[in-house]
PDBML (XML) file of the C-alpha atoms, coordinates in Angstrom:
<?xml version="1.0" encoding="UTF-8" ?>
<PDBx:datablock datablockName="MODEL"
   xmlns:PDBx="http://pdbml.pdb.org/schema/pdbx-v50.xsd"
   xmlns:xsi="http://www.w3.org/2001/XMLSchema-instance"
   xsi:schemaLocation="http://pdbml.pdb.org/schema/pdbx-v50.xsd pdbx-v50.xsd">
   <PDBx:atom_siteCategory>
      <PDBx:atom_site id="1">
         <PDBx:B_iso_or_equiv>0.00</PDBx:B_iso_or_equiv>
         <PDBx:Cartn_x>3.936</PDBx:Cartn_x>
         <PDBx:Cartn_y>2.484</PDBx:Cartn_y>
         <PDBx:Cartn_z>1.029</PDBx:Cartn_z>
         <PDBx:auth_asym_id>A</PDBx:auth_asym_id>
         <PDBx:auth_atom_id>CA</PDBx:auth_atom_id>
         <PDBx:auth_comp_id>UNK</PDBx:auth_comp_id>
         <PDBx:auth_seq_id>1</PDBx:auth_seq_id>
         <PDBx:group_PDB>ATOM</PDBx:group_PDB>
         <PDBx:label_alt_id xsi:nil="true" />
         <PDBx:label_asym_id>A</PDBx:label_asym_id>
         <PDBx:label_atom_id>CA</PDBx:label_atom_id>
         <PDBx:label_comp_id>UNK</PDBx:label_comp_id>
         <PDBx:label_entity_id>1</PDBx:label_entity_id>
         <PDBx:label_seq_id>1</PDBx:label_seq_id>
         <PDBx:occupancy>1.00</PDBx:occupancy>
         <PDBx:pdbx_PDB_model_num>1</PDBx:pdbx_PDB_model_num>
         <PDBx:type_symbol>C</PDBx:type_symbol>
      </PDBx:atom_site>
      <PDBx:atom_site id="2">
         <PDBx:B_iso_or_equiv>0.00</PDBx:B_iso_or_equiv>
         <PDBx:Cartn_x>3.417</PDBx:Cartn_x>
         <PDBx:Cartn_y>0.401</PDBx:Cartn_y>
         <PDBx:Cartn_z>4.099</PDBx:Cartn_z>
         <PDBx:auth_asym_id>A</PDBx:auth_asym_id>
         <PDBx:auth_atom_id>CA</PDBx:auth_atom_id>
         <PDBx:auth_comp_id>UNK</PDBx:auth_comp_id>
         <PDBx:auth_seq_id>2</PDBx:auth_seq_id>
         <PDBx:group_PDB>ATOM</PDBx:group_PDB>
         <PDBx:label_alt_id xsi:nil="true" />
         <PDBx:label_asym_id>A</PDBx:label_asym_id>
         <PDBx:label_atom_id>CA</PDBx:label_atom_id>
         <PDBx:label_comp_id>UNK</PDBx:label_comp_id>
         <PDBx:label_entity_id>1</PDBx:label_entity_id>
         <PDBx:label_seq_id>2</PDBx:label_seq_id>
         <PDBx:occupancy>1.00</PDBx:occupancy>
         <PDBx:pdbx_PDB_model_num>1</PDBx:pdbx_PDB_model_num>
         <PDBx:type_symbol>C</PDBx:type_symbol>
      </PDBx:atom_site>
      <PDBx:atom_site id="3">
         <PDBx:B_iso_or_equiv>0.00</PDBx:B_iso_or_equiv>
         <PDBx:Cartn_x>5.200</PDBx:Cartn_x>
         <PDBx:Cartn_y>0.453</PDBx:Cartn_y>
         <PDBx:Cartn_z>7.481</PDBx:Cartn_z>
         <PDBx:auth_asym_id>A</PDBx:auth_asym_id>
         <PDBx:auth_atom_id>CA</PDBx:auth_atom_id>
         <PDBx:auth_comp_id>UNK</PDBx:auth_comp_id>
         <PDBx:auth_seq_id>3</PDBx:auth_seq_id>
         <PDBx:group_PDB>ATOM</PDBx:group_PDB>
         <PDBx:label_alt_id xsi:nil="true" />
         <PDBx:label_asym_id>A</PDBx:label_asym_id>
         <PDBx:label_atom_id>CA</PDBx:label_atom_id>
         <PDBx:label_comp_id>UNK</PDBx:label_comp_id>
         <PDBx:label_entity_id>1</PDBx:label_entity_id>
         <PDBx:label_seq_id>3</PDBx:label_seq_id>
         <PDBx:occupancy>1.00</PDBx:occupancy>
         <PDBx:pdbx_PDB_model_num>1</PDBx:pdbx_PDB_model_num>
         <PDBx:type_symbol>C</PDBx:type_symbol>
      </PDBx:atom_site>
      <PDBx:atom_site id="4">
         <PDBx:B_iso_or_equiv>0.00</PDBx:B_iso_or_equiv>
         <PDBx:Cartn_x>3.952</PDBx:Cartn_x>
         <PDBx:Cartn_y>-3.143</PDBx:Cartn_y>
         <PDBx:Cartn_z>8.437</PDBx:Cartn_z>
         <PDBx:auth_asym_id>A</PDBx:auth_asym_id>
         <PDBx:auth_atom_id>CA</PDBx:auth_atom_id>
         <PDBx:auth_comp_id>UNK</PDBx:auth_comp_id>
         <PDBx:auth_seq_id>4</PDBx:auth_seq_id>
         <PDBx:group_PDB>ATOM</PDBx:group_PDB>
         <PDBx:label_alt_id xsi:nil="true" />
         <PDBx:label_asym_id>A</PDBx:label_asym_id>
         <PDBx:label_atom_id>CA</PDBx:label_atom_id>
         <PDBx:label_comp_id>UNK</PDBx:label_comp_id>
         <PDBx:label_entity_id>1</PDBx:label_entity_id>
         <PDBx:label_seq_id>4</PDBx:label_seq_id>
         <PDBx:occupancy>1.00</PDBx:occupancy>
         <PDBx:pdbx_PDB_model_num>1</PDBx:pdbx_PDB_model_num>
         <PDBx:type_symbol>C</PDBx:type_symbol>
      </PDBx:atom_site>
      <PDBx:atom_site id="5">
         <PDBx:B_iso_or_equiv>0.00</PDBx:B_iso_or_equiv>
         <PDBx:Cartn_x>5.868</PDBx:Cartn_x>
         <PDBx:Cartn_y>-6.256</PDBx:Cartn_y>
         <PDBx:Cartn_z>7.880</PDBx:Cartn_z>
         <PDBx:auth_asym_id>A</PDBx:auth_asym_id>
         <PDBx:auth_atom_id>CA</PDBx:auth_atom_id>
         <PDBx:auth_comp_id>UNK</PDBx:auth_comp_id>
         <PDBx:auth_seq_id>5</PDBx:auth_seq_id>
         <PDBx:group_PDB>ATOM</PDBx:group_PDB>
         <PDBx:label_alt_id xsi:nil="true" />
         <PDBx:label_asym_id>A</PDBx:label_asym_id>
         <PDBx:label_atom_id>CA</PDBx:label_atom_id>
         <PDBx:label_comp_id>UNK</PDBx:label_comp_id>
         <PDBx:label_entity_id>1</PDBx:label_entity_id>
         <PDBx:label_seq_id>5</PDBx:label_seq_id>
         <PDBx:occupancy>1.00</PDBx:occupancy>
         <PDBx:pdbx_PDB_model_num>1</PDBx:pdbx_PDB_model_num>
         <PDBx:type_symbol>C</PDBx:type_symbol>
      </PDBx:atom_site>
      <PDBx:atom_site id="6">
         <PDBx:B_iso_or_equiv>0.00</PDBx:B_iso_or_equiv>
         <PDBx:Cartn_x>2.930</PDBx:Cartn_x>
         <PDBx:Cartn_y>-8.811</PDBx:Cartn_y>
         <PDBx:Cartn_z>7.987</PDBx:Cartn_z>
         <PDBx:auth_asym_id>A</PDBx:auth_asym_id>
         <PDBx:auth_atom_id>CA</PDBx:auth_atom_id>
         <PDBx:auth_comp_id>UNK</PDBx:auth_comp_id>
         <PDBx:auth_seq_id>6</PDBx:auth_seq_id>
         <PDBx:group_PDB>ATOM</PDBx:group_PDB>
         <PDBx:label_alt_id xsi:nil="true" />
         <PDBx:label_asym_id>A</PDBx:label_asym_id>
         <PDBx:label_atom_id>CA</PDBx:label_atom_id>
         <PDBx:label_comp_id>UNK</PDBx:label_comp_id>
         <PDBx:label_entity_id>1</PDBx:label_entity_id>
         <PDBx:label_seq_id>6</PDBx:label_seq_id>
         <PDBx:occupancy>1.00</PDBx:occupancy>
         <PDBx:pdbx_PDB_model_num>1</PDBx:pdbx_PDB_model_num>
         <PDBx:type_symbol>C</PDBx:type_symbol>
      </PDBx:atom_site>
      <PDBx:atom_site id="7">
         <PDBx:B_iso_or_equiv>0.00</PDBx:B_iso_or_equiv>
         <PDBx:Cartn_x>3.217</PDBx:Cartn_x>
         <PDBx:Cartn_y>-9.008</PDBx:Cartn_y>
         <PDBx:Cartn_z>4.166</PDBx:Cartn_z>
         <PDBx:auth_asym_id>A</PDBx:auth_asym_id>
         <PDBx:auth_atom_id>CA</PDBx:auth_atom_id>
         <PDBx:auth_comp_id>UNK</PDBx:auth_comp_id>
         <PDBx:auth_seq_id>7</PDBx:auth_seq_id>
         <PDBx:group_PDB>ATOM</PDBx:group_PDB>
         <PDBx:label_alt_id xsi:nil="true" />
         <PDBx:label_asym_id>A</PDBx:label_asym_id>
         <PDBx:label_atom_id>CA</PDBx:label_atom_id>
         <PDBx:label_comp_id>UNK</PDBx:label_comp_id>
         <PDBx:label_entity_id>1</PDBx:label_entity_id>
         <PDBx:label_seq_id>7</PDBx:label_seq_id>
         <PDBx:occupancy>1.00</PDBx:occupancy>
         <PDBx:pdbx_PDB_model_num>1</PDBx:pdbx_PDB_model_num>
         <PDBx:type_symbol>C</PDBx:type_symbol>
      </PDBx:atom_site>
      <PDBx:atom_site id="8">
         <PDBx:B_iso_or_equiv>0.00</PDBx:B_iso_or_equiv>
         <PDBx:Cartn_x>0.651</PDBx:Cartn_x>
         <PDBx:Cartn_y>-11.641</PDBx:Cartn_y>
         <PDBx:Cartn_z>3.883</PDBx:Cartn_z>
         <PDBx:auth_asym_id>A</PDBx:auth_asym_id>
         <PDBx:auth_atom_id>CA</PDBx:auth_atom_id>
         <PDBx:auth_comp_id>UNK</PDBx:auth_comp_id>
         <PDBx:auth_seq_id>8</PDBx:auth_seq_id>
         <PDBx:group_PDB>ATOM</PDBx:group_PDB>
         <PDBx:label_alt_id xsi:nil="true" />
         <PDBx:label_asym_id>A</PDBx:label_asym_id>
         <PDBx:label_atom_id>CA</PDBx:label_atom_id>
         <PDBx:label_comp_id>UNK</PDBx:label_comp_id>
         <PDBx:label_entity_id>1</PDBx:label_entity_id>
         <PDBx:label_seq_id>8</PDBx:label_seq_id>
         <PDBx:occupancy>1.00</PDBx:occupancy>
         <PDBx:pdbx_PDB_model_num>1</PDBx:pdbx_PDB_model_num>
         <PDBx:type_symbol>C</PDBx:type_symbol>
      </PDBx:atom_site>
      <PDBx:atom_site id="9">
         <PDBx:B_iso_or_equiv>0.00</PDBx:B_iso_or_equiv>
         <PDBx:Cartn_x>-1.842</PDBx:Cartn_x>
         <PDBx:Cartn_y>-8.814</PDBx:Cartn_y>
         <PDBx:Cartn_z>3.419</PDBx:Cartn_z>
         <PDBx:auth_asym_id>A</PDBx:auth_asym_id>
         <PDBx:auth_atom_id>CA</PDBx:auth_atom_id>
         <PDBx:auth_comp_id>UNK</PDBx:auth_comp_id>
         <PDBx:auth_seq_id>9</PDBx:auth_seq_id>
         <PDBx:group_PDB>ATOM</PDBx:group_PDB>
         <PDBx:label_alt_id xsi:nil="true" />
         <PDBx:label_asym_id>A</PDBx:label_asym_id>
         <PDBx:label_atom_id>CA</PDBx:label_atom_id>
         <PDBx:label_comp_id>UNK</PDBx:label_comp_id>
         <PDBx:label_entity_id>1</PDBx:label_entity_id>
         <PDBx:label_seq_id>9</PDBx:label_seq_id>
         <PDBx:occupancy>1.00</PDBx:occupancy>
         <PDBx:pdbx_PDB_model_num>1</PDBx:pdbx_PDB_model_num>
         <PDBx:type_symbol>C</PDBx:type_symbol>
      </PDBx:atom_site>
      <PDBx:atom_site id="10">
         <PDBx:B_iso_or_equiv>0.00</PDBx:B_iso_or_equiv>
         <PDBx:Cartn_x>0.194</PDBx:Cartn_x>
         <PDBx:Cartn_y>-6.759</PDBx:Cartn_y>
         <PDBx:Cartn_z>0.802</PDBx:Cartn_z>
         <PDBx:auth_asym_id>A</PDBx:auth_asym_id>
         <PDBx:auth_atom_id>CA</PDBx:auth_atom_id>
         <PDBx:auth_comp_id>UNK</PDBx:auth_comp_id>
         <PDBx:auth_seq_id>10</PDBx:auth_seq_id>
         <PDBx:group_PDB>ATOM</PDBx:group_PDB>
         <PDBx:label_alt_id xsi:nil="true" />
         <PDBx:label_asym_id>A</PDBx:label_asym_id>
         <PDBx:label_atom_id>CA</PDBx:label_atom_id>
         <PDBx:label_comp_id>UNK</PDBx:label_comp_id>
         <PDBx:label_entity_id>1</PDBx:label_entity_id>
         <PDBx:label_seq_id>10</PDBx:label_seq_id>
         <PDBx:occupancy>1.00</PDBx:occupancy>
         <PDBx:pdbx_PDB_model_num>1</PDBx:pdbx_PDB_model_num>
         <PDBx:type_symbol>C</PDBx:type_symbol>
      </PDBx:atom_site>
      <PDBx:atom_site id="11">
         <PDBx:B_iso_or_equiv>0.00</PDBx:B_iso_or_equiv>
         <PDBx:Cartn_x>-2.586</PDBx:Cartn_x>
         <PDBx:Cartn_y>-7.000</PDBx:Cartn_y>
         <PDBx:Cartn_z>-1.690</PDBx:Cartn_z>
         <PDBx:auth_asym_id>A</PDBx:auth_asym_id>
         <PDBx:auth_atom_id>CA</PDBx:auth_atom_id>
         <PDBx:auth_comp_id>UNK</PDBx:auth_comp_id>
         <PDBx:auth_seq_id>11</PDBx:auth_seq_id>
         <PDBx:group_PDB>ATOM</PDBx:group_PDB>
         <PDBx:label_alt_id xsi:nil="true" />
         <PDBx:label_asym_id>A</PDBx:label_asym_id>
         <PDBx:label_atom_id>CA</PDBx:label_atom_id>
         <PDBx:label_comp_id>UNK</PDBx:label_comp_id>
         <PDBx:label_entity_id>1</PDBx:label_entity_id>
         <PDBx:label_seq_id>11</PDBx:label_seq_id>
         <PDBx:occupancy>1.00</PDBx:occupancy>
         <PDBx:pdbx_PDB_model_num>1</PDBx:pdbx_PDB_model_num>
         <PDBx:type_symbol>C</PDBx:type_symbol>
      </PDBx:atom_site>
      <PDBx:atom_site id="12">
         <PDBx:B_iso_or_equiv>0.00</PDBx:B_iso_or_equiv>
         <PDBx:Cartn_x>-4.896</PDBx:Cartn_x>
         <PDBx:Cartn_y>-5.236</PDBx:Cartn_y>
         <PDBx:Cartn_z>0.639</PDBx:Cartn_z>
         <PDBx:auth_asym_id>A</PDBx:auth_asym_id>
         <PDBx:auth_atom_id>CA</PDBx:auth_atom_id>
         <PDBx:auth_comp_id>UNK</PDBx:auth_comp_id>
         <PDBx:auth_seq_id>12</PDBx:auth_seq_id>
         <PDBx:group_PDB>ATOM</PDBx:group_PDB>
         <PDBx:label_alt_id xsi:nil="true" />
         <PDBx:label_asym_id>A</PDBx:label_asym_id>
         <PDBx:label_atom_id>CA</PDBx:label_atom_id>
         <PDBx:label_comp_id>UNK</PDBx:label_comp_id>
         <PDBx:label_entity_id>1</PDBx:label_entity_id>
         <PDBx:label_seq_id>12</PDBx:label_seq_id>
         <PDBx:occupancy>1.00</PDBx:occupancy>
         <PDBx:pdbx_PDB_model_num>1</PDBx:pdbx_PDB_model_num>
         <PDBx:type_symbol>C</PDBx:type_symbol>
      </PDBx:atom_site>
      <PDBx:atom_site id="13">
         <PDBx:B_iso_or_equiv>0.00</PDBx:B_iso_or_equiv>
         <PDBx:Cartn_x>-5.487</PDBx:Cartn_x>
         <PDBx:Cartn_y>-1.453</PDBx:Cartn_y>
         <PDBx:Cartn_z>0.363</PDBx:Cartn_z>
         <PDBx:auth_asym_id>A</PDBx:auth_asym_id>
         <PDBx:auth_atom_id>CA</PDBx:auth_atom_id>
         <PDBx:auth_comp_id>UNK</PDBx:auth_comp_id>
         <PDBx:auth_seq_id>13</PDBx:auth_seq_id>
         <PDBx:group_PDB>ATOM</PDBx:group_PDB>
         <PDBx:label_alt_id xsi:nil="true" />
         <PDBx:label_asym_id>A</PDBx:label_asym_id>
         <PDBx:label_atom_id>CA</PDBx:label_atom_id>
         <PDBx:label_comp_id>UNK</PDBx:label_comp_id>
         <PDBx:label_entity_id>1</PDBx:label_entity_id>
         <PDBx:label_seq_id>13</PDBx:label_seq_id>
         <PDBx:occupancy>1.00</PDBx:occupancy>
         <PDBx:pdbx_PDB_model_num>1</PDBx:pdbx_PDB_model_num>
         <PDBx:type_symbol>C</PDBx:type_symbol>
      </PDBx:atom_site>
      <PDBx:atom_site id="14">
         <PDBx:B_iso_or_equiv>0.00</PDBx:B_iso_or_equiv>
         <PDBx:Cartn_x>-5.734</PDBx:Cartn_x>
         <PDBx:Cartn_y>-1.093</PDBx:Cartn_y>
         <PDBx:Cartn_z>4.146</PDBx:Cartn_z>
         <PDBx:auth_asym_id>A</PDBx:auth_asym_id>
         <PDBx:auth_atom_id>CA</PDBx:auth_atom_id>
         <PDBx:auth_comp_id>UNK</PDBx:auth_comp_id>
         <PDBx:auth_seq_id>14</PDBx:auth_seq_id>
         <PDBx:group_PDB>ATOM</PDBx:group_PDB>
         <PDBx:label_alt_id xsi:nil="true" />
         <PDBx:label_asym_id>A</PDBx:label_asym_id>
         <PDBx:label_atom_id>CA</PDBx:label_atom_id>
         <PDBx:label_comp_id>UNK</PDBx:label_comp_id>
         <PDBx:label_entity_id>1</PDBx:label_entity_id>
         <PDBx:label_seq_id>14</PDBx:label_seq_id>
         <PDBx:occupancy>1.00</PDBx:occupancy>
         <PDBx:pdbx_PDB_model_num>1</PDBx:pdbx_PDB_model_num>
         <PDBx:type_symbol>C</PDBx:type_symbol>
      </PDBx:atom_site>
      <PDBx:atom_site id="15">
         <PDBx:B_iso_or_equiv>0.00</PDBx:B_iso_or_equiv>
         <PDBx:Cartn_x>-2.233</PDBx:Cartn_x>
         <PDBx:Cartn_y>-2.491</PDBx:Cartn_y>
         <PDBx:Cartn_z>4.497</PDBx:Cartn_z>
         <PDBx:auth_asym_id>A</PDBx:auth_asym_id>
         <PDBx:auth_atom_id>CA</PDBx:auth_atom_id>
         <PDBx:auth_comp_id>UNK</PDBx:auth_comp_id>
         <PDBx:auth_seq_id>15</PDBx:auth_seq_id>
         <PDBx:group_PDB>ATOM</PDBx:group_PDB>
         <PDBx:label_alt_id xsi:nil="true" />
         <PDBx:label_asym_id>A</PDBx:label_asym_id>
         <PDBx:label_atom_id>CA</PDBx:label_atom_id>
         <PDBx:label_comp_id>UNK</PDBx:label_comp_id>
         <PDBx:label_entity_id>1</PDBx:label_entity_id>
         <PDBx:label_seq_id>15</PDBx:label_seq_id>
         <PDBx:occupancy>1.00</PDBx:occupancy>
         <PDBx:pdbx_PDB_model_num>1</PDBx:pdbx_PDB_model_num>
         <PDBx:type_symbol>C</PDBx:type_symbol>
      </PDBx:atom_site>
      <PDBx:atom_site id="16">
         <PDBx:B_iso_or_equiv>0.00</PDBx:B_iso_or_equiv>
         <PDBx:Cartn_x>-0.632</PDBx:Cartn_x>
         <PDBx:Cartn_y>0.701</PDBx:Cartn_y>
         <PDBx:Cartn_z>3.245</PDBx:Cartn_z>
         <PDBx:auth_asym_id>A</PDBx:auth_asym_id>
         <PDBx:auth_atom_id>CA</PDBx:auth_atom_id>
         <PDBx:auth_comp_id>UNK</PDBx:auth_comp_id>
         <PDBx:auth_seq_id>16</PDBx:auth_seq_id>
         <PDBx:group_PDB>ATOM</PDBx:group_PDB>
         <PDBx:label_alt_id xsi:nil="true" />
         <PDBx:label_asym_id>A</PDBx:label_asym_id>
         <PDBx:label_atom_id>CA</PDBx:label_atom_id>
         <PDBx:label_comp_id>UNK</PDBx:label_comp_id>
         <PDBx:label_entity_id>1</PDBx:label_entity_id>
         <PDBx:label_seq_id>16</PDBx:label_seq_id>
         <PDBx:occupancy>1.00</PDBx:occupancy>
         <PDBx:pdbx_PDB_model_num>1</PDBx:pdbx_PDB_model_num>
         <PDBx:type_symbol>C</PDBx:type_symbol>
      </PDBx:atom_site>
      <PDBx:atom_site id="17">
         <PDBx:B_iso_or_equiv>0.00</PDBx:B_iso_or_equiv>
         <PDBx:Cartn_x>-0.181</PDBx:Cartn_x>
         <PDBx:Cartn_y>3.817</PDBx:Cartn_y>
         <PDBx:Cartn_z>5.077</PDBx:Cartn_z>
         <PDBx:auth_asym_id>A</PDBx:auth_asym_id>
         <PDBx:auth_atom_id>CA</PDBx:auth_atom_id>
         <PDBx:auth_comp_id>UNK</PDBx:auth_comp_id>
         <PDBx:auth_seq_id>17</PDBx:auth_seq_id>
         <PDBx:group_PDB>ATOM</PDBx:group_PDB>
         <PDBx:label_alt_id xsi:nil="true" />
         <PDBx:label_asym_id>A</PDBx:label_asym_id>
         <PDBx:label_atom_id>CA</PDBx:label_atom_id>
         <PDBx:label_comp_id>UNK</PDBx:label_comp_id>
         <PDBx:label_entity_id>1</PDBx:label_entity_id>
         <PDBx:label_seq_id>17</PDBx:label_seq_id>
         <PDBx:occupancy>1.00</PDBx:occupancy>
         <PDBx:pdbx_PDB_model_num>1</PDBx:pdbx_PDB_model_num>
         <PDBx:type_symbol>C</PDBx:type_symbol>
      </PDBx:atom_site>
      <PDBx:atom_site id="18">
         <PDBx:B_iso_or_equiv>0.00</PDBx:B_iso_or_equiv>
         <PDBx:Cartn_x>1.024</PDBx:Cartn_x>
         <PDBx:Cartn_y>6.367</PDBx:Cartn_y>
         <PDBx:Cartn_z>2.354</PDBx:Cartn_z>
         <PDBx:auth_asym_id>A</PDBx:auth_asym_id>
         <PDBx:auth_atom_id>CA</PDBx:auth_atom_id>
         <PDBx:auth_comp_id>UNK</PDBx:auth_comp_id>
         <PDBx:auth_seq_id>18</PDBx:auth_seq_id>
         <PDBx:group_PDB>ATOM</PDBx:group_PDB>
         <PDBx:label_alt_id xsi:nil="true" />
         <PDBx:label_asym_id>A</PDBx:label_asym_id>
         <PDBx:label_atom_id>CA</PDBx:label_atom_id>
         <PDBx:label_comp_id>UNK</PDBx:label_comp_id>
         <PDBx:label_entity_id>1</PDBx:label_entity_id>
         <PDBx:label_seq_id>18</PDBx:label_seq_id>
         <PDBx:occupancy>1.00</PDBx:occupancy>
         <PDBx:pdbx_PDB_model_num>1</PDBx:pdbx_PDB_model_num>
         <PDBx:type_symbol>C</PDBx:type_symbol>
      </PDBx:atom_site>
      <PDBx:atom_site id="19">
         <PDBx:B_iso_or_equiv>0.00</PDBx:B_iso_or_equiv>
         <PDBx:Cartn_x>-0.172</PDBx:Cartn_x>
         <PDBx:Cartn_y>6.992</PDBx:Cartn_y>
         <PDBx:Cartn_z>-1.261</PDBx:Cartn_z>
         <PDBx:auth_asym_id>A</PDBx:auth_asym_id>
         <PDBx:auth_atom_id>CA</PDBx:auth_atom_id>
         <PDBx:auth_comp_id>UNK</PDBx:auth_comp_id>
         <PDBx:auth_seq_id>19</PDBx:auth_seq_id>
         <PDBx:group_PDB>ATOM</PDBx:group_PDB>
         <PDBx:label_alt_id xsi:nil="true" />
         <PDBx:label_asym_id>A</PDBx:label_asym_id>
         <PDBx:label_atom_id>CA</PDBx:label_atom_id>
         <PDBx:label_comp_id>UNK</PDBx:label_comp_id>
         <PDBx:label_entity_id>1</PDBx:label_entity_id>
         <PDBx:label_seq_id>19</PDBx:label_seq_id>
         <PDBx:occupancy>1.00</PDBx:occupancy>
         <PDBx:pdbx_PDB_model_num>1</PDBx:pdbx_PDB_model_num>
         <PDBx:type_symbol>C</PDBx:type_symbol>
      </PDBx:atom_site>
      <PDBx:atom_site id="20">
         <PDBx:B_iso_or_equiv>0.00</PDBx:B_iso_or_equiv>
         <PDBx:Cartn_x>0.829</PDBx:Cartn_x>
         <PDBx:Cartn_y>8.929</PDBx:Cartn_y>
         <PDBx:Cartn_z>-4.155</PDBx:Cartn_z>
         <PDBx:auth_asym_id>A</PDBx:auth_asym_id>
         <PDBx:auth_atom_id>CA</PDBx:auth_atom_id>
         <PDBx:auth_comp_id>UNK</PDBx:auth_comp_id>
         <PDBx:auth_seq_id>20</PDBx:auth_seq_id>
         <PDBx:group_PDB>ATOM</PDBx:group_PDB>
         <PDBx:label_alt_id xsi:nil="true" />
         <PDBx:label_asym_id>A</PDBx:label_asym_id>
         <PDBx:label_atom_id>CA</PDBx:label_atom_id>
         <PDBx:label_comp_id>UNK</PDBx:label_comp_id>
         <PDBx:label_entity_id>1</PDBx:label_entity_id>
         <PDBx:label_seq_id>20</PDBx:label_seq_id>
         <PDBx:occupancy>1.00</PDBx:occupancy>
         <PDBx:pdbx_PDB_model_num>1</PDBx:pdbx_PDB_model_num>
         <PDBx:type_symbol>C</PDBx:type_symbol>
      </PDBx:atom_site>
      <PDBx:atom_site id="21">
         <PDBx:B_iso_or_equiv>0.00</PDBx:B_iso_or_equiv>
         <PDBx:Cartn_x>-1.294</PDBx:Cartn_x>
         <PDBx:Cartn_y>11.003</PDBx:Cartn_y>
         <PDBx:Cartn_z>-6.492</PDBx:Cartn_z>
         <PDBx:auth_asym_id>A</PDBx:auth_asym_id>
         <PDBx:auth_atom_id>CA</PDBx:auth_atom_id>
         <PDBx:auth_comp_id>UNK</PDBx:auth_comp_id>
         <PDBx:auth_seq_id>21</PDBx:auth_seq_id>
         <PDBx:group_PDB>ATOM</PDBx:group_PDB>
         <PDBx:label_alt_id xsi:nil="true" />
         <PDBx:label_asym_id>A</PDBx:label_asym_id>
         <PDBx:label_atom_id>CA</PDBx:label_atom_id>
         <PDBx:label_comp_id>UNK</PDBx:label_comp_id>
         <PDBx:label_entity_id>1</PDBx:label_entity_id>
         <PDBx:label_seq_id>21</PDBx:label_seq_id>
         <PDBx:occupancy>1.00</PDBx:occupancy>
         <PDBx:pdbx_PDB_model_num>1</PDBx:pdbx_PDB_model_num>
         <PDBx:type_symbol>C</PDBx:type_symbol>
      </PDBx:atom_site>
      <PDBx:atom_site id="22">
         <PDBx:B_iso_or_equiv>0.00</PDBx:B_iso_or_equiv>
         <PDBx:Cartn_x>-1.475</PDBx:Cartn_x>
         <PDBx:Cartn_y>8.612</PDBx:Cartn_y>
         <PDBx:Cartn_z>-9.287</PDBx:Cartn_z>
         <PDBx:auth_asym_id>A</PDBx:auth_asym_id>
         <PDBx:auth_atom_id>CA</PDBx:auth_atom_id>
         <PDBx:auth_comp_id>UNK</PDBx:auth_comp_id>
         <PDBx:auth_seq_id>22</PDBx:auth_seq_id>
         <PDBx:group_PDB>ATOM</PDBx:group_PDB>
         <PDBx:label_alt_id xsi:nil="true" />
         <PDBx:label_asym_id>A</PDBx:label_asym_id>
         <PDBx:label_atom_id>CA</PDBx:label_atom_id>
         <PDBx:label_comp_id>UNK</PDBx:label_comp_id>
         <PDBx:label_entity_id>1</PDBx:label_entity_id>
         <PDBx:label_seq_id>22</PDBx:label_seq_id>
         <PDBx:occupancy>1.00</PDBx:occupancy>
         <PDBx:pdbx_PDB_model_num>1</PDBx:pdbx_PDB_model_num>
         <PDBx:type_symbol>C</PDBx:type_symbol>
      </PDBx:atom_site>
      <PDBx:atom_site id="23">
         <PDBx:B_iso_or_equiv>0.00</PDBx:B_iso_or_equiv>
         <PDBx:Cartn_x>-0.154</PDBx:Cartn_x>
         <PDBx:Cartn_y>8.666</PDBx:Cartn_y>
         <PDBx:Cartn_z>-12.777</PDBx:Cartn_z>
         <PDBx:auth_asym_id>A</PDBx:auth_asym_id>
         <PDBx:auth_atom_id>CA</PDBx:auth_atom_id>
         <PDBx:auth_comp_id>UNK</PDBx:auth_comp_id>
         <PDBx:auth_seq_id>23</PDBx:auth_seq_id>
         <PDBx:group_PDB>ATOM</PDBx:group_PDB>
         <PDBx:label_alt_id xsi:nil="true" />
         <PDBx:label_asym_id>A</PDBx:label_asym_id>
         <PDBx:label_atom_id>CA</PDBx:label_atom_id>
         <PDBx:label_comp_id>UNK</PDBx:label_comp_id>
         <PDBx:label_entity_id>1</PDBx:label_entity_id>
         <PDBx:label_seq_id>23</PDBx:label_seq_id>
         <PDBx:occupancy>1.00</PDBx:occupancy>
         <PDBx:pdbx_PDB_model_num>1</PDBx:pdbx_PDB_model_num>
         <PDBx:type_symbol>C</PDBx:type_symbol>
      </PDBx:atom_site>
      <PDBx:atom_site id="24">
         <PDBx:B_iso_or_equiv>0.00</PDBx:B_iso_or_equiv>
         <PDBx:Cartn_x>-2.585</PDBx:Cartn_x>
         <PDBx:Cartn_y>7.973</PDBx:Cartn_y>
         <PDBx:Cartn_z>-15.737</PDBx:Cartn_z>
         <PDBx:auth_asym_id>A</PDBx:auth_asym_id>
         <PDBx:auth_atom_id>CA</PDBx:auth_atom_id>
         <PDBx:auth_comp_id>UNK</PDBx:auth_comp_id>
         <PDBx:auth_seq_id>24</PDBx:auth_seq_id>
         <PDBx:group_PDB>ATOM</PDBx:group_PDB>
         <PDBx:label_alt_id xsi:nil="true" />
         <PDBx:label_asym_id>A</PDBx:label_asym_id>
         <PDBx:label_atom_id>CA</PDBx:label_atom_id>
         <PDBx:label_comp_id>UNK</PDBx:label_comp_id>
         <PDBx:label_entity_id>1</PDBx:label_entity_id>
         <PDBx:label_seq_id>24</PDBx:label_seq_id>
         <PDBx:occupancy>1.00</PDBx:occupancy>
         <PDBx:pdbx_PDB_model_num>1</PDBx:pdbx_PDB_model_num>
         <PDBx:type_symbol>C</PDBx:type_symbol>
      </PDBx:atom_site>
      <PDBx:atom_site id="25">
         <PDBx:B_iso_or_equiv>0.00</PDBx:B_iso_or_equiv>
         <PDBx:Cartn_x>-1.947</PDBx:Cartn_x>
         <PDBx:Cartn_y>5.308</PDBx:Cartn_y>
         <PDBx:Cartn_z>-18.106</PDBx:Cartn_z>
         <PDBx:auth_asym_id>A</PDBx:auth_asym_id>
         <PDBx:auth_atom_id>CA</PDBx:auth_atom_id>
         <PDBx:auth_comp_id>UNK</PDBx:auth_comp_id>
         <PDBx:auth_seq_id>25</PDBx:auth_seq_id>
         <PDBx:group_PDB>ATOM</PDBx:group_PDB>
         <PDBx:label_alt_id xsi:nil="true" />
         <PDBx:label_asym_id>A</PDBx:label_asym_id>
         <PDBx:label_atom_id>CA</PDBx:label_atom_id>
         <PDBx:label_comp_id>UNK</PDBx:label_comp_id>
         <PDBx:label_entity_id>1</PDBx:label_entity_id>
         <PDBx:label_seq_id>25</PDBx:label_seq_id>
         <PDBx:occupancy>1.00</PDBx:occupancy>
         <PDBx:pdbx_PDB_model_num>1</PDBx:pdbx_PDB_model_num>
         <PDBx:type_symbol>C</PDBx:type_symbol>
      </PDBx:atom_site>
   </PDBx:atom_siteCategory>
</PDBx:datablock>
């Protein structure tokens, strides 16, 4: 999840502030 609105960077890891623990596929 990202609190930022410059969504041109949406594919960048650093744009996101919060992360889940992940689910295995």
